[in-house]
């Protein structure tokens, strides 16, 4: 997927979005917890994380409606941060 903060998907598609935190993490620091928060109307089917990234599988949505998906991580150093994307649903 593109590195942009705006992502387009078809309402029938089930697609993954990856947040790559590797450039933000300090040397030796890892992701210890990850939470994905989505706006009402779009479905978070599943999510997972590695030491440096988080992935969310999203489905549904109404064409023409923008949604937000936020990844909140906690790191081995105790830092907490959020990154959000806008998901624009459109028939493709």
C-alpha atoms as a PDB file:
ATOM      1  CA  UNK A   1       0.000   0.000   0.000  1.00  0.00           C
ATOM      2  CA  UNK A   2       1.044   3.577  -0.548  1.00  0.00           C
ATOM      3  CA  UNK A   3       2.702   5.573   2.220  1.00  0.00           C
ATOM      4  CA  UNK A   4       0.058   8.306   1.969  1.00  0.00           C
ATOM      5  CA  UNK A   5      -2.305   9.057   4.853  1.00  0.00           C
ATOM      6  CA  UNK A   6      -5.305   8.700   2.497  1.00  0.00           C
ATOM      7  CA  UNK A   7      -6.240   5.235   1.304  1.00  0.00           C
ATOM      8  CA  UNK A   8      -9.040   4.183  -1.056  1.00  0.00           C
ATOM      9  CA  UNK A   9     -10.905   0.887  -0.973  1.00  0.00           C
ATOM     10  CA  UNK A  10     -13.974  -0.654  -2.537  1.00  0.00           C
ATOM     11  CA  UNK A  11     -16.802  -1.429  -0.065  1.00  0.00           C
ATOM     12  CA  UNK A  12     -16.549  -5.140  -0.961  1.00  0.00           C
ATOM     13  CA  UNK A  13     -12.767  -5.321  -0.575  1.00  0.00           C
ATOM     14  CA  UNK A  14     -10.994  -6.738   2.473  1.00  0.00           C
ATOM     15  CA  UNK A  15      -7.547  -5.135   2.416  1.00  0.00           C
ATOM     16  CA  UNK A  16      -4.588  -4.684   4.703  1.00  0.00           C
ATOM     17  CA  UNK A  17      -2.941  -1.441   5.767  1.00  0.00           C
ATOM     18  CA  UNK A  18       0.538  -1.464   7.327  1.00  0.00           C
ATOM     19  CA  UNK A  19       1.905   1.178   9.660  1.00  0.00           C
ATOM     20  CA  UNK A  20       5.694   1.017   9.503  1.00  0.00           C
ATOM     21  CA  UNK A  21       7.139   2.484  12.713  1.00  0.00           C
ATOM     22  CA  UNK A  22      10.783   1.497  12.054  1.00  0.00           C
ATOM     23  CA  UNK A  23      11.978   5.050  11.275  1.00  0.00           C
ATOM     24  CA  UNK A  24      10.347   6.397  14.454  1.00  0.00           C
ATOM     25  CA  UNK A  25      11.600   3.736  16.882  1.00  0.00           C
ATOM     26  CA  UNK A  26      14.895   4.263  18.694  1.00  0.00           C
ATOM     27  CA  UNK A  27      17.674   1.672  18.155  1.00  0.00           C
ATOM     28  CA  UNK A  28      16.746  -1.485  20.064  1.00  0.00           C
ATOM     29  CA  UNK A  29      13.216  -0.258  20.824  1.00  0.00           C
ATOM     30  CA  UNK A  30      10.326  -2.497  19.755  1.00  0.00           C
ATOM     31  CA  UNK A  31       6.539  -2.412  19.648  1.00  0.00           C
ATOM     32  CA  UNK A  32       5.158  -4.311  22.646  1.00  0.00           C
ATOM     33  CA  UNK A  33       1.456  -3.538  22.143  1.00  0.00           C
ATOM     34  CA  UNK A  34      -0.669  -2.294  19.267  1.00  0.00           C
ATOM     35  CA  UNK A  35      -4.298  -1.197  19.155  1.00  0.00           C
ATOM     36  CA  UNK A  36      -6.218  -0.323  15.984  1.00  0.00           C
ATOM     37  CA  UNK A  37      -9.208   1.999  16.401  1.00  0.00           C
ATOM     38  CA  UNK A  38     -11.626   2.511  13.475  1.00  0.00           C
ATOM     39  CA  UNK A  39     -14.567   4.873  13.020  1.00  0.00           C
ATOM     40  CA  UNK A  40     -18.084   3.480  13.023  1.00  0.00           C
ATOM     41  CA  UNK A  41     -19.158   2.097   9.657  1.00  0.00           C
ATOM     42  CA  UNK A  42     -15.948   0.352   8.625  1.00  0.00           C
ATOM     43  CA  UNK A  43     -14.950  -3.046   9.984  1.00  0.00           C
ATOM     44  CA  UNK A  44     -11.650  -4.050  11.559  1.00  0.00           C
ATOM     45  CA  UNK A  45     -11.478  -7.727  10.584  1.00  0.00           C
ATOM     46  CA  UNK A  46      -8.150  -8.417  12.284  1.00  0.00           C
ATOM     47  CA  UNK A  47      -4.890  -6.812  13.306  1.00  0.00           C
ATOM     48  CA  UNK A  48      -1.391  -7.878  14.275  1.00  0.00           C
ATOM     49  CA  UNK A  49       1.993  -6.360  14.994  1.00  0.00           C
ATOM     50  CA  UNK A  50       5.664  -7.179  14.757  1.00  0.00           C
ATOM     51  CA  UNK A  51       8.594  -5.520  16.502  1.00  0.00           C
ATOM     52  CA  UNK A  52       8.496  -2.578  14.053  1.00  0.00           C
ATOM     53  CA  UNK A  53       5.107  -2.486  12.290  1.00  0.00           C
ATOM     54  CA  UNK A  54       1.374  -3.017  12.729  1.00  0.00           C
ATOM     55  CA  UNK A  55      -1.153  -4.342  10.220  1.00  0.00           C
ATOM     56  CA  UNK A  56      -4.927  -3.961  10.097  1.00  0.00           C
ATOM     57  CA  UNK A  57      -7.345  -5.777   7.783  1.00  0.00           C
ATOM     58  CA  UNK A  58     -10.311  -3.520   6.965  1.00  0.00           C
ATOM     59  CA  UNK A  59     -13.596  -4.249   5.194  1.00  0.00           C
ATOM     60  CA  UNK A  60     -16.944  -2.630   4.469  1.00  0.00           C
ATOM     61  CA  UNK A  61     -17.823   1.022   4.457  1.00  0.00           C
ATOM     62  CA  UNK A  62     -20.248   3.162   2.482  1.00  0.00           C
ATOM     63  CA  UNK A  63     -19.108   4.721  -0.817  1.00  0.00           C
ATOM     64  CA  UNK A  64     -18.454   8.433  -0.476  1.00  0.00           C
ATOM     65  CA  UNK A  65     -17.873   8.239   3.272  1.00  0.00           C
ATOM     66  CA  UNK A  66     -14.440   8.917   4.782  1.00  0.00           C
ATOM     67  CA  UNK A  67     -13.366   6.817   7.776  1.00  0.00           C
ATOM     68  CA  UNK A  68     -10.421   7.023  10.154  1.00  0.00           C
ATOM     69  CA  UNK A  69      -8.203   4.133  11.240  1.00  0.00           C
ATOM     70  CA  UNK A  70      -5.722   4.847  14.020  1.00  0.00           C
ATOM     71  CA  UNK A  71      -2.849   2.671  15.186  1.00  0.00           C
ATOM     72  CA  UNK A  72      -1.800   3.277  18.801  1.00  0.00           C
ATOM     73  CA  UNK A  73       1.393   1.556  19.854  1.00  0.00           C
ATOM     74  CA  UNK A  74       3.252   1.097  23.111  1.00  0.00           C
ATOM     75  CA  UNK A  75       6.988   0.469  22.911  1.00  0.00           C
ATOM     76  CA  UNK A  76       9.538  -1.372  25.008  1.00  0.00           C
ATOM     77  CA  UNK A  77      10.736   2.066  26.187  1.00  0.00           C
ATOM     78  CA  UNK A  78       7.231   2.893  27.458  1.00  0.00           C
ATOM     79  CA  UNK A  79       6.452   5.412  24.725  1.00  0.00           C
ATOM     80  CA  UNK A  80       2.902   5.588  23.335  1.00  0.00           C
ATOM     81  CA  UNK A  81       2.034   7.179  19.988  1.00  0.00           C
ATOM     82  CA  UNK A  82      -0.745   7.229  17.390  1.00  0.00           C
ATOM     83  CA  UNK A  83      -0.742   7.328  13.592  1.00  0.00           C
ATOM     84  CA  UNK A  84      -3.985   7.726  11.638  1.00  0.00           C
ATOM     85  CA  UNK A  85      -5.074   7.219   8.071  1.00  0.00           C
ATOM     86  CA  UNK A  86      -8.196   8.287   6.230  1.00  0.00           C
ATOM     87  CA  UNK A  87      -9.972   5.497   4.383  1.00  0.00           C
ATOM     88  CA  UNK A  88     -12.125   6.717   1.500  1.00  0.00           C
ATOM     89  CA  UNK A  89     -14.590   4.111   0.309  1.00  0.00           C
ATOM     90  CA  UNK A  90     -15.556   4.203  -3.356  1.00  0.00           C
ATOM     91  CA  UNK A  91     -16.851   1.737  -5.886  1.00  0.00           C
ATOM     92  CA  UNK A  92     -14.044   0.598  -8.127  1.00  0.00           C
END
